[in-house]
Amino acid sequence: MILEVAVLDIKPGLSAEFEAAFQVAKKIIAAMPGYISHELQKCLEKGDRYILLVRWQTLEDHTIGFRQSPQYQEWRALLHHFYDPFPVVEHYKLC
């Protein structure tokens, strides 16, 4: 299992719109091959910051299967305009 970690900084004042868009976008990612689960958590100290944790079966399920799919373009259209700056995405595995 691979854990994708992204810290999402949302443009000020757009958190409610982001959360609504994510309700649609999460259905896209959940339908992808290799998807296991996800969590979106809101930061208590910074109200416009979230952390997105997505569990994938393999790294390639995310980097190739999802990111190179037509569904990724839908995900991108729904969410990417909320980010400032664009998030760094890292991948982790259990030790």
PDB file of N, CA and C in Angstrom:
ATOM      1  N   MET A   1       0.836  -1.180   0.000  1.00  0.00           N
ATOM      2  CA  MET A   1       0.000   0.000   0.000  1.00  0.00           C
ATOM      3  C   MET A   1       0.880   1.242   0.000  1.00  0.00           C
ATOM      4  N   ILE A   2       0.463   2.242  -0.741  1.00  0.00           N
ATOM      5  CA  ILE A   2       1.144   3.529  -0.824  1.00  0.00           C
ATOM      6  C   ILE A   2       0.207   4.597  -0.271  1.00  0.00           C
ATOM      7  N   LEU A   3       0.756   5.509   0.519  1.00  0.00           N
ATOM      8  CA  LEU A   3      -0.020   6.620   1.050  1.00  0.00           C
ATOM      9  C   LEU A   3       0.406   7.895   0.336  1.00  0.00           C
ATOM     10  N   GLU A   4      -0.524   8.496  -0.364  1.00  0.00           N
ATOM     11  CA  GLU A   4      -0.317   9.800  -1.000  1.00  0.00           C
ATOM     12  C   GLU A   4      -0.679  10.870   0.024  1.00  0.00           C
ATOM     13  N   VAL A   5       0.204  11.853   0.198  1.00  0.00           N
ATOM     14  CA  VAL A   5      -0.027  12.924   1.163  1.00  0.00           C
ATOM     15  C   VAL A   5       0.085  14.263   0.446  1.00  0.00           C
ATOM     16  N   ALA A   6      -0.944  15.073   0.562  1.00  0.00           N
ATOM     17  CA  ALA A   6      -0.934  16.407  -0.028  1.00  0.00           C
ATOM     18  C   ALA A   6      -1.467  17.410   0.984  1.00  0.00           C
ATOM     19  N   VAL A   7      -0.701  18.463   1.234  1.00  0.00           N
ATOM     20  CA  VAL A   7      -1.170  19.571   2.047  1.00  0.00           C
ATOM     21  C   VAL A   7      -1.777  20.585   1.086  1.00  0.00           C
ATOM     22  N   LEU A   8      -3.047  20.886   1.290  1.00  0.00           N
ATOM     23  CA  LEU A   8      -3.793  21.746   0.383  1.00  0.00           C
ATOM     24  C   LEU A   8      -4.073  23.087   1.038  1.00  0.00           C
ATOM     25  N   ASP A   9      -3.451  24.130   0.533  1.00  0.00           N
ATOM     26  CA  ASP A   9      -3.734  25.485   0.988  1.00  0.00           C
ATOM     27  C   ASP A   9      -4.732  26.093   0.009  1.00  0.00           C
ATOM     28  N   ILE A  10      -5.894  26.441   0.540  1.00  0.00           N
ATOM     29  CA  ILE A  10      -7.000  26.952  -0.267  1.00  0.00           C
ATOM     30  C   ILE A  10      -6.983  28.480  -0.218  1.00  0.00           C
ATOM     31  N   LYS A  11      -7.294  29.094  -1.337  1.00  0.00           N
ATOM     32  CA  LYS A  11      -7.359  30.559  -1.381  1.00  0.00           C
ATOM     33  C   LYS A  11      -8.322  31.052  -0.307  1.00  0.00           C
ATOM     34  N   PRO A  12      -7.961  32.129   0.396  1.00  0.00           N
ATOM     35  CA  PRO A  12      -8.794  32.629   1.501  1.00  0.00           C
ATOM     36  C   PRO A  12     -10.250  32.839   1.086  1.00  0.00           C
ATOM     37  N   GLY A  13     -11.133  32.380   1.964  1.00  0.00           N
ATOM     38  CA  GLY A  13     -12.557  32.568   1.771  1.00  0.00           C
ATOM     39  C   GLY A  13     -13.237  31.553   0.868  1.00  0.00           C
ATOM     40  N   LEU A  14     -12.484  30.591   0.345  1.00  0.00           N
ATOM     41  CA  LEU A  14     -13.068  29.619  -0.587  1.00  0.00           C
ATOM     42  C   LEU A  14     -13.196  28.216  -0.006  1.00  0.00           C
ATOM     43  N   SER A  15     -12.998  28.073   1.284  1.00  0.00           N
ATOM     44  CA  SER A  15     -13.030  26.734   1.896  1.00  0.00           C
ATOM     45  C   SER A  15     -14.374  26.035   1.715  1.00  0.00           C
ATOM     46  N   ALA A  16     -15.457  26.747   1.897  1.00  0.00           N
ATOM     47  CA  ALA A  16     -16.779  26.124   1.762  1.00  0.00           C
ATOM     48  C   ALA A  16     -17.000  25.651   0.320  1.00  0.00           C
ATOM     49  N   GLU A  17     -16.596  26.463  -0.647  1.00  0.00           N
ATOM     50  CA  GLU A  17     -16.727  26.066  -2.054  1.00  0.00           C
ATOM     51  C   GLU A  17     -15.831  24.876  -2.366  1.00  0.00           C
ATOM     52  N   PHE A  18     -14.607  24.878  -1.805  1.00  0.00           N
ATOM     53  CA  PHE A  18     -13.696  23.753  -2.001  1.00  0.00           C
ATOM     54  C   PHE A  18     -14.310  22.466  -1.446  1.00  0.00           C
ATOM     55  N   GLU A  19     -14.841  22.528  -0.236  1.00  0.00           N
ATOM     56  CA  GLU A  19     -15.432  21.334   0.374  1.00  0.00           C
ATOM     57  C   GLU A  19     -16.602  20.810  -0.458  1.00  0.00           C
ATOM     58  N   ALA A  20     -17.403  21.695  -1.013  1.00  0.00           N
ATOM     59  CA  ALA A  20     -18.520  21.269  -1.860  1.00  0.00           C
ATOM     60  C   ALA A  20     -18.000  20.607  -3.136  1.00  0.00           C
ATOM     61  N   ALA A  21     -16.980  21.193  -3.745  1.00  0.00           N
ATOM     62  CA  ALA A  21     -16.399  20.611  -4.957  1.00  0.00           C
ATOM     63  C   ALA A  21     -15.753  19.266  -4.655  1.00  0.00           C
ATOM     64  N   PHE A  22     -15.152  19.146  -3.474  1.00  0.00           N
ATOM     65  CA  PHE A  22     -14.511  17.883  -3.117  1.00  0.00           C
ATOM     66  C   PHE A  22     -15.537  16.762  -2.971  1.00  0.00           C
ATOM     67  N   GLN A  23     -16.745  17.087  -2.557  1.00  0.00           N
ATOM     68  CA  GLN A  23     -17.790  16.069  -2.443  1.00  0.00           C
ATOM     69  C   GLN A  23     -18.077  15.423  -3.802  1.00  0.00           C
ATOM     70  N   VAL A  24     -17.939  16.178  -4.862  1.00  0.00           N
ATOM     71  CA  VAL A  24     -18.096  15.645  -6.212  1.00  0.00           C
ATOM     72  C   VAL A  24     -16.818  14.915  -6.631  1.00  0.00           C
ATOM     73  N   ALA A  25     -15.673  15.558  -6.397  1.00  0.00           N
ATOM     74  CA  ALA A  25     -14.385  15.025  -6.851  1.00  0.00           C
ATOM     75  C   ALA A  25     -14.040  13.688  -6.183  1.00  0.00           C
ATOM     76  N   LYS A  26     -14.428  13.510  -4.939  1.00  0.00           N
ATOM     77  CA  LYS A  26     -14.054  12.270  -4.245  1.00  0.00           C
ATOM     78  C   LYS A  26     -14.654  11.035  -4.909  1.00  0.00           C
ATOM     79  N   LYS A  27     -15.779  11.205  -5.598  1.00  0.00           N
ATOM     80  CA  LYS A  27     -16.390  10.081  -6.307  1.00  0.00           C
ATOM     81  C   LYS A  27     -15.540   9.672  -7.509  1.00  0.00           C
ATOM     82  N   ILE A  28     -14.854  10.642  -8.095  1.00  0.00           N
ATOM     83  CA  ILE A  28     -13.980  10.364  -9.232  1.00  0.00           C
ATOM     84  C   ILE A  28     -12.816   9.498  -8.785  1.00  0.00           C
ATOM     85  N   ILE A  29     -12.127   9.929  -7.735  1.00  0.00           N
ATOM     86  CA  ILE A  29     -10.933   9.203  -7.285  1.00  0.00           C
ATOM     87  C   ILE A  29     -11.296   7.834  -6.724  1.00  0.00           C
ATOM     88  N   ALA A  30     -12.434   7.753  -6.059  1.00  0.00           N
ATOM     89  CA  ALA A  30     -12.839   6.481  -5.446  1.00  0.00           C
ATOM     90  C   ALA A  30     -13.141   5.411  -6.489  1.00  0.00           C
ATOM     91  N   ALA A  31     -13.421   5.815  -7.715  1.00  0.00           N
ATOM     92  CA  ALA A  31     -13.741   4.860  -8.773  1.00  0.00           C
ATOM     93  C   ALA A  31     -12.510   4.389  -9.546  1.00  0.00           C
ATOM     94  N   MET A  32     -11.327   4.906  -9.215  1.00  0.00           N
ATOM     95  CA  MET A  32     -10.120   4.586  -9.971  1.00  0.00           C
ATOM     96  C   MET A  32      -9.548   3.227  -9.566  1.00  0.00           C
ATOM     97  N   PRO A  33      -9.010   2.488 -10.529  1.00  0.00           N
ATOM     98  CA  PRO A  33      -8.338   1.226 -10.202  1.00  0.00           C
ATOM     99  C   PRO A  33      -7.167   1.471  -9.251  1.00  0.00           C
ATOM    100  N   GLY A  34      -7.051   0.630  -8.250  1.00  0.00           N
ATOM    101  CA  GLY A  34      -5.971   0.747  -7.277  1.00  0.00           C
ATOM    102  C   GLY A  34      -6.281   1.628  -6.084  1.00  0.00           C
ATOM    103  N   TYR A  35      -7.382   2.361  -6.134  1.00  0.00           N
ATOM    104  CA  TYR A  35      -7.795   3.204  -5.012  1.00  0.00           C
ATOM    105  C   TYR A  35      -8.217   2.312  -3.849  1.00  0.00           C
ATOM    106  N   ILE A  36      -7.773   2.670  -2.645  1.00  0.00           N
ATOM    107  CA  ILE A  36      -8.184   1.936  -1.446  1.00  0.00           C
ATOM    108  C   ILE A  36      -9.100   2.797  -0.579  1.00  0.00           C
ATOM    109  N   SER A  37      -8.628   3.995  -0.209  1.00  0.00           N
ATOM    110  CA  SER A  37      -9.422   4.879   0.647  1.00  0.00           C
ATOM    111  C   SER A  37      -8.805   6.269   0.644  1.00  0.00           C
ATOM    112  N   HIS A  38      -9.534   7.216   1.229  1.00  0.00           N
ATOM    113  CA  HIS A  38      -8.984   8.565   1.373  1.00  0.00           C
ATOM    114  C   HIS A  38      -9.552   9.226   2.626  1.00  0.00           C
ATOM    115  N   GLU A  39      -8.864  10.276   3.037  1.00  0.00           N
ATOM    116  CA  GLU A  39      -9.333  11.138   4.124  1.00  0.00           C
ATOM    117  C   GLU A  39      -8.997  12.571   3.741  1.00  0.00           C
ATOM    118  N   LEU A  40      -9.916  13.477   3.968  1.00  0.00           N
ATOM    119  CA  LEU A  40      -9.662  14.905   3.841  1.00  0.00           C
ATOM    120  C   LEU A  40      -9.885  15.494   5.219  1.00  0.00           C
ATOM    121  N   GLN A  41      -8.852  16.124   5.762  1.00  0.00           N
ATOM    122  CA  GLN A  41      -8.955  16.690   7.097  1.00  0.00           C
ATOM    123  C   GLN A  41      -8.626  18.173   7.053  1.00  0.00           C
ATOM    124  N   LYS A  42      -9.374  18.949   7.830  1.00  0.00           N
ATOM    125  CA  LYS A  42      -9.199  20.401   7.874  1.00  0.00           C
ATOM    126  C   LYS A  42      -8.312  20.771   9.059  1.00  0.00           C
ATOM    127  N   CYS A  43      -7.377  21.677   8.819  1.00  0.00           N
ATOM    128  CA  CYS A  43      -6.452  22.123   9.859  1.00  0.00           C
ATOM    129  C   CYS A  43      -7.186  22.990  10.889  1.00  0.00           C
ATOM    130  N   LEU A  44      -6.907  22.757  12.148  1.00  0.00           N
ATOM    131  CA  LEU A  44      -7.526  23.551  13.207  1.00  0.00           C
ATOM    132  C   LEU A  44      -6.880  24.926  13.344  1.00  0.00           C
ATOM    133  N   GLU A  45      -5.576  24.996  13.112  1.00  0.00           N
ATOM    134  CA  GLU A  45      -4.863  26.257  13.289  1.00  0.00           C
ATOM    135  C   GLU A  45      -4.989  27.192  12.084  1.00  0.00           C
ATOM    136  N   LYS A  46      -5.095  26.623  10.899  1.00  0.00           N
ATOM    137  CA  LYS A  46      -5.192  27.416   9.668  1.00  0.00           C
ATOM    138  C   LYS A  46      -6.444  26.963   8.925  1.00  0.00           C
ATOM    139  N   GLY A  47      -7.481  27.761   8.985  1.00  0.00           N
ATOM    140  CA  GLY A  47      -8.793  27.370   8.473  1.00  0.00           C
ATOM    141  C   GLY A  47      -8.873  27.109   6.983  1.00  0.00           C
ATOM    142  N   ASP A  48      -7.896  27.594   6.221  1.00  0.00           N
ATOM    143  CA  ASP A  48      -7.901  27.370   4.775  1.00  0.00           C
ATOM    144  C   ASP A  48      -6.903  26.293   4.365  1.00  0.00           C
ATOM    145  N   ARG A  49      -6.465  25.466   5.316  1.00  0.00           N
ATOM    146  CA  ARG A  49      -5.510  24.386   5.015  1.00  0.00           C
ATOM    147  C   ARG A  49      -6.174  23.034   5.293  1.00  0.00           C
ATOM    148  N   TYR A  50      -5.911  22.100   4.384  1.00  0.00           N
ATOM    149  CA  TYR A  50      -6.415  20.728   4.499  1.00  0.00           C
ATOM    150  C   TYR A  50      -5.253  19.775   4.251  1.00  0.00           C
ATOM    151  N   ILE A  51      -5.423  18.554   4.704  1.00  0.00           N
ATOM    152  CA  ILE A  51      -4.506  17.488   4.329  1.00  0.00           C
ATOM    153  C   ILE A  51      -5.347  16.401   3.669  1.00  0.00           C
ATOM    154  N   LEU A  52      -4.856  15.952   2.522  1.00  0.00           N
ATOM    155  CA  LEU A  52      -5.517  14.875   1.796  1.00  0.00           C
ATOM    156  C   LEU A  52      -4.620  13.654   1.856  1.00  0.00           C
ATOM    157  N   LEU A  53      -5.157  12.573   2.357  1.00  0.00           N
ATOM    158  CA  LEU A  53      -4.460  11.289   2.445  1.00  0.00           C
ATOM    159  C   LEU A  53      -5.211  10.295   1.572  1.00  0.00           C
ATOM    160  N   VAL A  54      -4.522   9.738   0.588  1.00  0.00           N
ATOM    161  CA  VAL A  54      -5.145   8.749  -0.293  1.00  0.00           C
ATOM    162  C   VAL A  54      -4.302   7.487  -0.266  1.00  0.00           C
ATOM    163  N   ARG A  55      -4.943   6.372  -0.035  1.00  0.00           N
ATOM    164  CA  ARG A  55      -4.256   5.076  -0.041  1.00  0.00           C
ATOM    165  C   ARG A  55      -4.475   4.408  -1.389  1.00  0.00           C
ATOM    166  N   TRP A  56      -3.361   4.005  -2.002  1.00  0.00           N
ATOM    167  CA  TRP A  56      -3.365   3.330  -3.301  1.00  0.00           C
ATOM    168  C   TRP A  56      -2.703   1.968  -3.144  1.00  0.00           C
ATOM    169  N   GLN A  57      -3.063   1.042  -4.003  1.00  0.00           N
ATOM    170  CA  GLN A  57      -2.402  -0.261  -3.987  1.00  0.00           C
ATOM    171  C   GLN A  57      -0.945  -0.133  -4.411  1.00  0.00           C
ATOM    172  N   THR A  58      -0.672   0.663  -5.454  1.00  0.00           N
ATOM    173  CA  THR A  58       0.704   0.869  -5.924  1.00  0.00           C
ATOM    174  C   THR A  58       0.922   2.344  -6.238  1.00  0.00           C
ATOM    175  N   LEU A  59       2.167   2.751  -6.309  1.00  0.00           N
ATOM    176  CA  LEU A  59       2.508   4.118  -6.691  1.00  0.00           C
ATOM    177  C   LEU A  59       1.977   4.427  -8.088  1.00  0.00           C
ATOM    178  N   GLU A  60       2.117   3.467  -8.997  1.00  0.00           N
ATOM    179  CA  GLU A  60       1.686   3.661 -10.374  1.00  0.00           C
ATOM    180  C   GLU A  60       0.166   3.826 -10.511  1.00  0.00           C
ATOM    181  N   ASP A  61      -0.581   3.249  -9.573  1.00  0.00           N
ATOM    182  CA  ASP A  61      -2.034   3.459  -9.601  1.00  0.00           C
ATOM    183  C   ASP A  61      -2.359   4.948  -9.495  1.00  0.00           C
ATOM    184  N   HIS A  62      -1.536   5.682  -8.753  1.00  0.00           N
ATOM    185  CA  HIS A  62      -1.744   7.124  -8.635  1.00  0.00           C
ATOM    186  C   HIS A  62      -1.064   7.891  -9.757  1.00  0.00           C
ATOM    187  N   THR A  63       0.244   7.666  -9.913  1.00  0.00           N
ATOM    188  CA  THR A  63       1.036   8.502 -10.816  1.00  0.00           C
ATOM    189  C   THR A  63       0.741   8.271 -12.290  1.00  0.00           C
ATOM    190  N   ILE A  64       0.362   7.065 -12.645  1.00  0.00           N
ATOM    191  CA  ILE A  64       0.054   6.759 -14.045  1.00  0.00           C
ATOM    192  C   ILE A  64      -1.450   6.541 -14.221  1.00  0.00           C
ATOM    193  N   GLY A  65      -1.994   5.582 -13.479  1.00  0.00           N
ATOM    194  CA  GLY A  65      -3.398   5.219 -13.646  1.00  0.00           C
ATOM    195  C   GLY A  65      -4.352   6.376 -13.436  1.00  0.00           C
ATOM    196  N   PHE A  66      -4.134   7.165 -12.390  1.00  0.00           N
ATOM    197  CA  PHE A  66      -5.023   8.293 -12.123  1.00  0.00           C
ATOM    198  C   PHE A  66      -4.569   9.553 -12.848  1.00  0.00           C
ATOM    199  N   ARG A  67      -3.337   9.941 -12.662  1.00  0.00           N
ATOM    200  CA  ARG A  67      -2.881  11.229 -13.215  1.00  0.00           C
ATOM    201  C   ARG A  67      -2.855  11.278 -14.740  1.00  0.00           C
ATOM    202  N   GLN A  68      -2.798  10.149 -15.384  1.00  0.00           N
ATOM    203  CA  GLN A  68      -2.789  10.150 -16.848  1.00  0.00           C
ATOM    204  C   GLN A  68      -4.150   9.746 -17.428  1.00  0.00           C
ATOM    205  N   SER A  69      -5.176   9.785 -16.605  1.00  0.00           N
ATOM    206  CA  SER A  69      -6.507   9.373 -17.041  1.00  0.00           C
ATOM    207  C   SER A  69      -7.373  10.582 -17.402  1.00  0.00           C
ATOM    208  N   PRO A  70      -8.409  10.363 -18.188  1.00  0.00           N
ATOM    209  CA  PRO A  70      -9.377  11.436 -18.451  1.00  0.00           C
ATOM    210  C   PRO A  70     -10.073  11.906 -17.167  1.00  0.00           C
ATOM    211  N   GLN A  71     -10.240  10.986 -16.215  1.00  0.00           N
ATOM    212  CA  GLN A  71     -10.887  11.344 -14.951  1.00  0.00           C
ATOM    213  C   GLN A  71     -10.071  12.377 -14.177  1.00  0.00           C
ATOM    214  N   TYR A  72      -8.739  12.318 -14.328  1.00  0.00           N
ATOM    215  CA  TYR A  72      -7.894  13.309 -13.657  1.00  0.00           C
ATOM    216  C   TYR A  72      -8.205  14.710 -14.170  1.00  0.00           C
ATOM    217  N   GLN A  73      -8.532  14.848 -15.433  1.00  0.00           N
ATOM    218  CA  GLN A  73      -8.866  16.158 -15.980  1.00  0.00           C
ATOM    219  C   GLN A  73     -10.140  16.707 -15.331  1.00  0.00           C
ATOM    220  N   GLU A  74     -11.087  15.835 -15.027  1.00  0.00           N
ATOM    221  CA  GLU A  74     -12.295  16.243 -14.305  1.00  0.00           C
ATOM    222  C   GLU A  74     -11.938  16.685 -12.885  1.00  0.00           C
ATOM    223  N   TRP A  75     -11.118  15.880 -12.198  1.00  0.00           N
ATOM    224  CA  TRP A  75     -10.642  16.189 -10.846  1.00  0.00           C
ATOM    225  C   TRP A  75      -9.966  17.560 -10.847  1.00  0.00           C
ATOM    226  N   ARG A  76      -9.081  17.746 -11.801  1.00  0.00           N
ATOM    227  CA  ARG A  76      -8.325  18.994 -11.929  1.00  0.00           C
ATOM    228  C   ARG A  76      -9.260  20.192 -12.119  1.00  0.00           C
ATOM    229  N   ALA A  77     -10.237  20.041 -13.004  1.00  0.00           N
ATOM    230  CA  ALA A  77     -11.178  21.136 -13.269  1.00  0.00           C
ATOM    231  C   ALA A  77     -11.998  21.495 -12.028  1.00  0.00           C
ATOM    232  N   LEU A  78     -12.316  20.498 -11.228  1.00  0.00           N
ATOM    233  CA  LEU A  78     -13.109  20.735 -10.015  1.00  0.00           C
ATOM    234  C   LEU A  78     -12.306  21.400  -8.902  1.00  0.00           C
ATOM    235  N   LEU A  79     -11.015  21.044  -8.773  1.00  0.00           N
ATOM    236  CA  LEU A  79     -10.278  21.410  -7.552  1.00  0.00           C
ATOM    237  C   LEU A  79      -9.073  22.327  -7.719  1.00  0.00           C
ATOM    238  N   HIS A  80      -8.360  22.241  -8.803  1.00  0.00           N
ATOM    239  CA  HIS A  80      -7.053  22.898  -8.874  1.00  0.00           C
ATOM    240  C   HIS A  80      -7.111  24.418  -8.774  1.00  0.00           C
ATOM    241  N   HIS A  81      -8.196  25.040  -9.163  1.00  0.00           N
ATOM    242  CA  HIS A  81      -8.276  26.507  -9.076  1.00  0.00           C
ATOM    243  C   HIS A  81      -8.417  27.016  -7.641  1.00  0.00           C
ATOM    244  N   PHE A  82      -8.629  26.126  -6.681  1.00  0.00           N
ATOM    245  CA  PHE A  82      -8.726  26.533  -5.280  1.00  0.00           C
ATOM    246  C   PHE A  82      -7.363  26.678  -4.606  1.00  0.00           C
ATOM    247  N   TYR A  83      -6.322  26.069  -5.140  1.00  0.00           N
ATOM    248  CA  TYR A  83      -5.032  25.955  -4.461  1.00  0.00           C
ATOM    249  C   TYR A  83      -4.158  27.196  -4.653  1.00  0.00           C
ATOM    250  N   ASP A  84      -3.532  27.624  -3.548  1.00  0.00           N
ATOM    251  CA  ASP A  84      -2.527  28.679  -3.605  1.00  0.00           C
ATOM    252  C   ASP A  84      -1.626  28.556  -2.386  1.00  0.00           C
ATOM    253  N   PRO A  85      -0.413  28.046  -2.569  1.00  0.00           N
ATOM    254  CA  PRO A  85       0.210  27.605  -3.814  1.00  0.00           C
ATOM    255  C   PRO A  85      -0.264  26.199  -4.189  1.00  0.00           C
ATOM    256  N   PHE A  86       0.189  25.748  -5.358  1.00  0.00           N
ATOM    257  CA  PHE A  86      -0.158  24.397  -5.778  1.00  0.00           C
ATOM    258  C   PHE A  86       0.510  23.408  -4.827  1.00  0.00           C
ATOM    259  N   PRO A  87      -0.202  22.383  -4.383  1.00  0.00           N
ATOM    260  CA  PRO A  87       0.344  21.482  -3.359  1.00  0.00           C
ATOM    261  C   PRO A  87       1.478  20.590  -3.864  1.00  0.00           C
ATOM    262  N   VAL A  88       2.371  20.309  -2.937  1.00  0.00           N
ATOM    263  CA  VAL A  88       3.389  19.283  -3.151  1.00  0.00           C
ATOM    264  C   VAL A  88       2.760  17.966  -2.724  1.00  0.00           C
ATOM    265  N   VAL A  89       2.884  16.962  -3.570  1.00  0.00           N
ATOM    266  CA  VAL A  89       2.329  15.640  -3.273  1.00  0.00           C
ATOM    267  C   VAL A  89       3.493  14.686  -3.050  1.00  0.00           C
ATOM    268  N   GLU A  90       3.447  13.959  -1.939  1.00  0.00           N
ATOM    269  CA  GLU A  90       4.482  12.973  -1.622  1.00  0.00           C
ATOM    270  C   GLU A  90       3.817  11.628  -1.399  1.00  0.00           C
ATOM    271  N   HIS A  91       4.620  10.580  -1.545  1.00  0.00           N
ATOM    272  CA  HIS A  91       4.122   9.211  -1.386  1.00  0.00           C
ATOM    273  C   HIS A  91       4.944   8.502  -0.319  1.00  0.00           C
ATOM    274  N   TYR A  92       4.264   7.718   0.504  1.00  0.00           N
ATOM    275  CA  TYR A  92       4.916   7.036   1.626  1.00  0.00           C
ATOM    276  C   TYR A  92       4.531   5.564   1.615  1.00  0.00           C
ATOM    277  N   LYS A  93       5.425   4.745   2.227  1.00  0.00           N
ATOM    278  CA  LYS A  93       5.124   3.332   2.402  1.00  0.00           C
ATOM    279  C   LYS A  93       5.450   2.958   3.847  1.00  0.00           C
ATOM    280  N   LEU A  94       4.832   1.901   4.307  1.00  0.00           N
ATOM    281  CA  LEU A  94       5.094   1.421   5.662  1.00  0.00           C
ATOM    282  C   LEU A  94       6.505   0.862   5.760  1.00  0.00           C
ATOM    283  N   CYS A  95       7.119   1.084   6.905  1.00  0.00           N
ATOM    284  CA  CYS A  95       8.466   0.551   7.148  1.00  0.00           C
ATOM    285  C   CYS A  95       8.387  -0.826   7.778  1.00  0.00           C
TER     286      CYS A  95
END
